[in-house]
PDB file of N, CA and C in Angstrom:
ATOM      1  N   MET A   1      26.483 115.923 -50.476  1.00  0.00           N
ATOM      2  CA  MET A   1      26.388 117.441 -50.014  1.00  0.00           C
ATOM      3  C   MET A   1      27.381 118.134 -51.007  1.00  0.00           C
ATOM      4  N   PRO A   2      27.125 119.269 -51.418  1.00  0.00           N
ATOM      5  CA  PRO A   2      27.954 119.980 -52.319  1.00  0.00           C
ATOM      6  C   PRO A   2      28.766 121.163 -51.567  1.00  0.00           C
ATOM      7  N   ALA A   3      29.993 121.100 -52.258  1.00  0.00           N
ATOM      8  CA  ALA A   3      30.793 121.903 -51.252  1.00  0.00           C
ATOM      9  C   ALA A   3      30.348 123.376 -51.177  1.00  0.00           C
ATOM     10  N   PRO A   4      31.029 123.962 -50.006  1.00  0.00           N
ATOM     11  CA  PRO A   4      30.360 125.660 -50.175  1.00  0.00           C
ATOM     12  C   PRO A   4      31.078 126.239 -50.913  1.00  0.00           C
ATOM     13  N   THR A   5      30.679 127.257 -51.477  1.00  0.00           N
ATOM     14  CA  THR A   5      30.998 128.148 -52.951  1.00  0.00           C
ATOM     15  C   THR A   5      31.377 129.314 -52.067  1.00  0.00           C
ATOM     16  N   ASN A   6      31.371 129.584 -51.005  1.00  0.00           N
ATOM     17  CA  ASN A   6      31.650 131.095 -50.618  1.00  0.00           C
ATOM     18  C   ASN A   6      33.052 130.941 -49.508  1.00  0.00           C
ATOM     19  N   ILE A   7      34.013 130.104 -49.746  1.00  0.00           N
ATOM     20  CA  ILE A   7      35.280 130.046 -49.221  1.00  0.00           C
ATOM     21  C   ILE A   7      36.113 131.156 -48.736  1.00  0.00           C
ATOM     22  N   LYS A   8      36.422 131.771 -47.972  1.00  0.00           N
ATOM     23  CA  LYS A   8      36.963 133.255 -47.793  1.00  0.00           C
ATOM     24  C   LYS A   8      38.488 132.973 -48.131  1.00  0.00           C
ATOM     25  N   LYS A   9      39.245 133.536 -49.490  1.00  0.00           N
ATOM     26  CA  LYS A   9      40.501 133.286 -49.514  1.00  0.00           C
ATOM     27  C   LYS A   9      41.295 134.242 -48.930  1.00  0.00           C
ATOM     28  N   VAL A  10      43.017 133.612 -48.727  1.00  0.00           N
ATOM     29  CA  VAL A  10      43.346 134.397 -48.085  1.00  0.00           C
ATOM     30  C   VAL A  10      44.491 135.152 -48.926  1.00  0.00           C
ATOM     31  N   CYS A  11      44.770 136.436 -48.532  1.00  0.00           N
ATOM     32  CA  CYS A  11      45.197 137.222 -49.362  1.00  0.00           C
ATOM     33  C   CYS A  11      46.920 136.943 -49.573  1.00  0.00           C
ATOM     34  N   LEU A  12      47.316 136.341 -50.575  1.00  0.00           N
ATOM     35  CA  LEU A  12      48.579 136.334 -50.832  1.00  0.00           C
ATOM     36  C   LEU A  12      49.819 136.744 -50.253  1.00  0.00           C
ATOM     37  N   PHE A  13      49.437 138.171 -50.277  1.00  0.00           N
ATOM     38  CA  PHE A  13      50.502 139.054 -49.708  1.00  0.00           C
ATOM     39  C   PHE A  13      50.940 139.108 -48.452  1.00  0.00           C
ATOM     40  N   CYS A  14      49.596 138.939 -47.563  1.00  0.00           N
ATOM     41  CA  CYS A  14      49.740 139.011 -45.880  1.00  0.00           C
ATOM     42  C   CYS A  14      50.198 137.612 -45.760  1.00  0.00           C
ATOM     43  N   ALA A  15      49.760 136.388 -46.332  1.00  0.00           N
ATOM     44  CA  ALA A  15      49.992 135.055 -45.852  1.00  0.00           C
ATOM     45  C   ALA A  15      51.964 135.275 -45.757  1.00  0.00           C
ATOM     46  N   GLU A  16      52.536 135.598 -47.311  1.00  0.00           N
ATOM     47  CA  GLU A  16      53.803 135.460 -47.632  1.00  0.00           C
ATOM     48  C   GLU A  16      54.531 136.952 -47.082  1.00  0.00           C
ATOM     49  N   LYS A  17      53.514 137.765 -46.293  1.00  0.00           N
ATOM     50  CA  LYS A  17      54.120 139.053 -45.890  1.00  0.00           C
ATOM     51  C   LYS A  17      54.885 139.508 -46.749  1.00  0.00           C
ATOM     52  N   ILE A  18      54.562 139.918 -47.902  1.00  0.00           N
ATOM     53  CA  ILE A  18      55.175 140.672 -49.333  1.00  0.00           C
ATOM     54  C   ILE A  18      54.735 142.216 -48.907  1.00  0.00           C
ATOM     55  N   SER A  19      55.492 143.101 -48.834  1.00  0.00           N
ATOM     56  CA  SER A  19      55.303 144.399 -48.913  1.00  0.00           C
ATOM     57  C   SER A  19      55.030 145.169 -49.940  1.00  0.00           C
ATOM     58  N   PHE A  20      55.857 144.649 -50.932  1.00  0.00           N
ATOM     59  CA  PHE A  20      56.094 145.380 -51.891  1.00  0.00           C
ATOM     60  C   PHE A  20      56.154 144.803 -53.298  1.00  0.00           C
ATOM     61  N   VAL A  21      55.296 145.265 -54.052  1.00  0.00           N
ATOM     62  CA  VAL A  21      54.846 144.668 -55.476  1.00  0.00           C
ATOM     63  C   VAL A  21      55.644 145.521 -56.833  1.00  0.00           C
ATOM     64  N   ASP A  22      56.549 144.700 -57.284  1.00  0.00           N
ATOM     65  CA  ASP A  22      57.663 145.146 -58.069  1.00  0.00           C
ATOM     66  C   ASP A  22      56.776 144.991 -59.674  1.00  0.00           C
ATOM     67  N   TYR A  23      56.533 146.472 -60.284  1.00  0.00           N
ATOM     68  CA  TYR A  23      55.991 146.362 -61.394  1.00  0.00           C
ATOM     69  C   TYR A  23      57.183 145.651 -62.473  1.00  0.00           C
ATOM     70  N   LYS A  24      57.874 145.387 -62.293  1.00  0.00           N
ATOM     71  CA  LYS A  24      58.895 144.643 -63.217  1.00  0.00           C
ATOM     72  C   LYS A  24      58.606 143.072 -63.112  1.00  0.00           C
ATOM     73  N   ASP A  25      58.268 142.675 -62.199  1.00  0.00           N
ATOM     74  CA  ASP A  25      57.984 141.207 -61.916  1.00  0.00           C
ATOM     75  C   ASP A  25      56.604 140.668 -62.906  1.00  0.00           C
ATOM     76  N   ILE A  26      57.214 140.433 -64.406  1.00  0.00           N
ATOM     77  CA  ILE A  26      56.049 140.329 -65.150  1.00  0.00           C
ATOM     78  C   ILE A  26      55.177 138.923 -64.588  1.00  0.00           C
ATOM     79  N   GLN A  27      56.135 138.071 -64.500  1.00  0.00           N
ATOM     80  CA  GLN A  27      55.280 136.560 -64.029  1.00  0.00           C
ATOM     81  C   GLN A  27      54.687 136.620 -62.958  1.00  0.00           C
ATOM     82  N   PHE A  28      54.942 137.358 -61.970  1.00  0.00           N
ATOM     83  CA  PHE A  28      54.225 137.287 -61.023  1.00  0.00           C
ATOM     84  C   PHE A  28      52.986 138.200 -61.079  1.00  0.00           C
ATOM     85  N   LEU A  29      52.786 139.420 -61.605  1.00  0.00           N
ATOM     86  CA  LEU A  29      52.008 140.026 -62.083  1.00  0.00           C
ATOM     87  C   LEU A  29      50.763 139.515 -63.167  1.00  0.00           C
ATOM     88  N   ARG A  30      51.345 138.460 -63.964  1.00  0.00           N
ATOM     89  CA  ARG A  30      50.581 137.849 -64.846  1.00  0.00           C
ATOM     90  C   ARG A  30      49.181 136.968 -64.020  1.00  0.00           C
ATOM     91  N   ARG A  31      49.550 136.858 -63.047  1.00  0.00           N
ATOM     92  CA  ARG A  31      48.731 135.903 -61.920  1.00  0.00           C
ATOM     93  C   ARG A  31      47.384 136.529 -61.410  1.00  0.00           C
ATOM     94  N   PHE A  32      47.662 138.012 -61.557  1.00  0.00           N
ATOM     95  CA  PHE A  32      46.259 139.070 -61.533  1.00  0.00           C
ATOM     96  C   PHE A  32      45.522 139.277 -62.599  1.00  0.00           C
ATOM     97  N   MET A  33      46.103 138.961 -63.328  1.00  0.00           N
ATOM     98  CA  MET A  33      45.437 139.478 -65.126  1.00  0.00           C
ATOM     99  C   MET A  33      44.504 138.111 -65.868  1.00  0.00           C
ATOM    100  N   SER A  34      43.218 138.456 -66.190  1.00  0.00           N
ATOM    101  CA  SER A  34      42.244 137.729 -67.024  1.00  0.00           C
ATOM    102  C   SER A  34      43.138 137.382 -68.124  1.00  0.00           C
ATOM    103  N   PRO A  35      43.107 136.198 -68.997  1.00  0.00           N
ATOM    104  CA  PRO A  35      43.407 135.794 -70.238  1.00  0.00           C
ATOM    105  C   PRO A  35      43.050 137.156 -71.527  1.00  0.00           C
ATOM    106  N   HIS A  36      42.098 138.136 -71.123  1.00  0.00           N
ATOM    107  CA  HIS A  36      42.090 139.502 -71.980  1.00  0.00           C
ATOM    108  C   HIS A  36      42.730 140.525 -71.442  1.00  0.00           C
ATOM    109  N   ALA A  37      43.836 140.439 -70.729  1.00  0.00           N
ATOM    110  CA  ALA A  37      44.545 141.161 -69.995  1.00  0.00           C
ATOM    111  C   ALA A  37      43.934 142.348 -69.358  1.00  0.00           C
ATOM    112  N   LYS A  38      42.696 141.793 -68.832  1.00  0.00           N
ATOM    113  CA  LYS A  38      42.304 142.767 -67.602  1.00  0.00           C
ATOM    114  C   LYS A  38      42.278 142.334 -66.194  1.00  0.00           C
ATOM    115  N   ILE A  39      42.222 143.490 -65.055  1.00  0.00           N
ATOM    116  CA  ILE A  39      42.710 143.116 -63.831  1.00  0.00           C
ATOM    117  C   ILE A  39      41.841 142.332 -63.235  1.00  0.00           C
ATOM    118  N   MET A  40      42.232 141.137 -62.275  1.00  0.00           N
ATOM    119  CA  MET A  40      40.937 140.453 -62.009  1.00  0.00           C
ATOM    120  C   MET A  40      40.471 140.957 -60.601  1.00  0.00           C
ATOM    121  N   SER A  41      39.075 140.930 -60.245  1.00  0.00           N
ATOM    122  CA  SER A  41      39.151 141.486 -59.144  1.00  0.00           C
ATOM    123  C   SER A  41      39.499 140.805 -57.785  1.00  0.00           C
ATOM    124  N   SER A  42      39.486 141.075 -56.526  1.00  0.00           N
ATOM    125  CA  SER A  42      39.851 140.563 -55.428  1.00  0.00           C
ATOM    126  C   SER A  42      39.058 139.619 -54.891  1.00  0.00           C
ATOM    127  N   ASN A  43      38.016 139.662 -55.320  1.00  0.00           N
ATOM    128  CA  ASN A  43      36.949 138.236 -55.142  1.00  0.00           C
ATOM    129  C   ASN A  43      37.673 137.151 -55.665  1.00  0.00           C
ATOM    130  N   LYS A  44      37.781 137.288 -56.917  1.00  0.00           N
ATOM    131  CA  LYS A  44      38.882 135.977 -57.414  1.00  0.00           C
ATOM    132  C   LYS A  44      39.672 135.935 -57.025  1.00  0.00           C
ATOM    133  N   THR A  45      40.750 136.694 -56.910  1.00  0.00           N
ATOM    134  CA  THR A  45      42.165 136.545 -56.495  1.00  0.00           C
ATOM    135  C   THR A  45      42.586 136.540 -54.997  1.00  0.00           C
ATOM    136  N   GLY A  46      41.415 136.729 -54.292  1.00  0.00           N
ATOM    137  CA  GLY A  46      41.819 136.287 -52.987  1.00  0.00           C
ATOM    138  C   GLY A  46      42.408 137.558 -52.535  1.00  0.00           C
ATOM    139  N   THR A  47      43.146 138.560 -52.657  1.00  0.00           N
ATOM    140  CA  THR A  47      43.391 139.817 -52.130  1.00  0.00           C
ATOM    141  C   THR A  47      43.041 140.546 -51.537  1.00  0.00           C
ATOM    142  N   CYS A  48      43.420 141.496 -50.330  1.00  0.00           N
ATOM    143  CA  CYS A  48      42.623 142.100 -49.361  1.00  0.00           C
ATOM    144  C   CYS A  48      42.787 143.440 -50.387  1.00  0.00           C
ATOM    145  N   ALA A  49      41.856 144.259 -49.554  1.00  0.00           N
ATOM    146  CA  ALA A  49      42.008 145.643 -50.366  1.00  0.00           C
ATOM    147  C   ALA A  49      43.027 146.542 -50.467  1.00  0.00           C
ATOM    148  N   LYS A  50      43.734 146.509 -49.497  1.00  0.00           N
ATOM    149  CA  LYS A  50      45.048 146.981 -49.240  1.00  0.00           C
ATOM    150  C   LYS A  50      46.110 146.628 -50.783  1.00  0.00           C
ATOM    151  N   HIS A  51      45.971 145.285 -50.525  1.00  0.00           N
ATOM    152  CA  HIS A  51      47.269 144.603 -51.461  1.00  0.00           C
ATOM    153  C   HIS A  51      46.480 144.829 -52.860  1.00  0.00           C
ATOM    154  N   GLN A  52      45.460 144.562 -53.436  1.00  0.00           N
ATOM    155  CA  GLN A  52      44.479 145.021 -54.289  1.00  0.00           C
ATOM    156  C   GLN A  52      44.943 146.429 -55.084  1.00  0.00           C
ATOM    157  N   ARG A  53      44.849 147.139 -54.267  1.00  0.00           N
ATOM    158  CA  ARG A  53      45.166 148.754 -54.904  1.00  0.00           C
ATOM    159  C   ARG A  53      46.866 148.448 -55.153  1.00  0.00           C
ATOM    160  N   THR A  54      47.746 147.675 -54.510  1.00  0.00           N
ATOM    161  CA  THR A  54      49.191 148.330 -54.968  1.00  0.00           C
ATOM    162  C   THR A  54      49.456 147.263 -56.299  1.00  0.00           C
ATOM    163  N   VAL A  55      48.626 146.221 -56.387  1.00  0.00           N
ATOM    164  CA  VAL A  55      48.715 145.128 -57.394  1.00  0.00           C
ATOM    165  C   VAL A  55      48.114 145.983 -58.790  1.00  0.00           C
ATOM    166  N   SER A  56      47.236 146.534 -58.575  1.00  0.00           N
ATOM    167  CA  SER A  56      46.595 147.333 -59.597  1.00  0.00           C
ATOM    168  C   SER A  56      47.445 148.257 -60.024  1.00  0.00           C
ATOM    169  N   GLN A  57      48.245 149.071 -59.166  1.00  0.00           N
ATOM    170  CA  GLN A  57      49.115 150.164 -59.344  1.00  0.00           C
ATOM    171  C   GLN A  57      49.992 149.697 -60.085  1.00  0.00           C
ATOM    172  N   ALA A  58      50.692 148.481 -59.437  1.00  0.00           N
ATOM    173  CA  ALA A  58      51.630 147.807 -60.389  1.00  0.00           C
ATOM    174  C   ALA A  58      51.395 147.361 -61.740  1.00  0.00           C
ATOM    175  N   LEU A  59      50.291 146.710 -62.276  1.00  0.00           N
ATOM    176  CA  LEU A  59      49.987 146.462 -63.449  1.00  0.00           C
ATOM    177  C   LEU A  59      49.897 147.361 -64.247  1.00  0.00           C
ATOM    178  N   LYS A  60      48.960 148.727 -63.667  1.00  0.00           N
ATOM    179  CA  LYS A  60      48.868 149.830 -64.551  1.00  0.00           C
ATOM    180  C   LYS A  60      50.526 150.541 -64.973  1.00  0.00           C
ATOM    181  N   ARG A  61      51.495 150.755 -64.063  1.00  0.00           N
ATOM    182  CA  ARG A  61      52.882 150.654 -64.548  1.00  0.00           C
ATOM    183  C   ARG A  61      53.550 149.972 -65.304  1.00  0.00           C
ATOM    184  N   ALA A  62      53.483 148.957 -65.141  1.00  0.00           N
ATOM    185  CA  ALA A  62      53.650 147.524 -66.139  1.00  0.00           C
ATOM    186  C   ALA A  62      53.240 147.608 -67.435  1.00  0.00           C
ATOM    187  N   ARG A  63      51.692 148.355 -67.486  1.00  0.00           N
ATOM    188  CA  ARG A  63      51.348 148.530 -68.865  1.00  0.00           C
ATOM    189  C   ARG A  63      51.603 149.694 -69.605  1.00  0.00           C
ATOM    190  N   HIS A  64      51.935 150.770 -68.717  1.00  0.00           N
ATOM    191  CA  HIS A  64      52.768 152.262 -68.971  1.00  0.00           C
ATOM    192  C   HIS A  64      53.619 152.312 -69.669  1.00  0.00           C
ATOM    193  N   MET A  65      54.697 151.102 -69.010  1.00  0.00           N
ATOM    194  CA  MET A  65      56.030 151.002 -69.270  1.00  0.00           C
ATOM    195  C   MET A  65      56.380 149.890 -70.378  1.00  0.00           C
ATOM    196  N   ALA A  66      54.906 149.632 -71.238  1.00  0.00           N
ATOM    197  CA  ALA A  66      54.983 148.684 -72.161  1.00  0.00           C
ATOM    198  C   ALA A  66      55.751 147.096 -72.041  1.00  0.00           C
ATOM    199  N   LEU A  67      55.580 146.656 -70.837  1.00  0.00           N
ATOM    200  CA  LEU A  67      55.993 145.235 -70.088  1.00  0.00           C
ATOM    201  C   LEU A  67      54.752 144.474 -70.244  1.00  0.00           C
ATOM    202  N   LEU A  68      53.466 144.888 -69.930  1.00  0.00           N
ATOM    203  CA  LEU A  68      52.269 144.055 -70.483  1.00  0.00           C
ATOM    204  C   LEU A  68      51.533 144.680 -71.201  1.00  0.00           C
ATOM    205  N   PRO A  69      50.555 143.906 -72.030  1.00  0.00           N
ATOM    206  CA  PRO A  69      49.557 144.898 -72.626  1.00  0.00           C
ATOM    207  C   PRO A  69      48.598 145.329 -72.269  1.00  0.00           C
ATOM    208  N   PHE A  70      47.774 146.135 -72.731  1.00  0.00           N
ATOM    209  CA  PHE A  70      46.786 147.070 -72.444  1.00  0.00           C
ATOM    210  C   PHE A  70      45.662 146.024 -72.900  1.00  0.00           C
ATOM    211  N   VAL A  71      45.782 145.348 -74.042  1.00  0.00           N
ATOM    212  CA  VAL A  71      44.145 144.666 -74.437  1.00  0.00           C
ATOM    213  C   VAL A  71      44.978 143.458 -74.921  1.00  0.00           C
ATOM    214  N   ALA A  72      44.780 142.054 -74.803  1.00  0.00           N
ATOM    215  CA  ALA A  72      45.039 140.932 -75.373  1.00  0.00           C
ATOM    216  C   ALA A  72      44.456 140.691 -76.658  1.00  0.00           C
ATOM    217  N   ALA A  73      44.823 140.427 -77.614  1.00  0.00           N
ATOM    218  CA  ALA A  73      44.378 140.291 -79.171  1.00  0.00           C
ATOM    219  C   ALA A  73      43.588 138.655 -79.170  1.00  0.00           C
TER     220      ALA A  73
END
């Protein structure tokens, strides 16, 4: 019998009770980026809508401060 493919992922931020996403924590933010430097969707990362907004805002701030690339070569 094949494994179910629609298993609901648990939000990392809700599970660990993380309330603040620091835009300077590059290693942590890279978990939410694809290899092409795009922001991954909440379906793939498992984050809830509230925390997906904070993650995307932190990624955009890190890009603006030149800590993360806009496009991967």
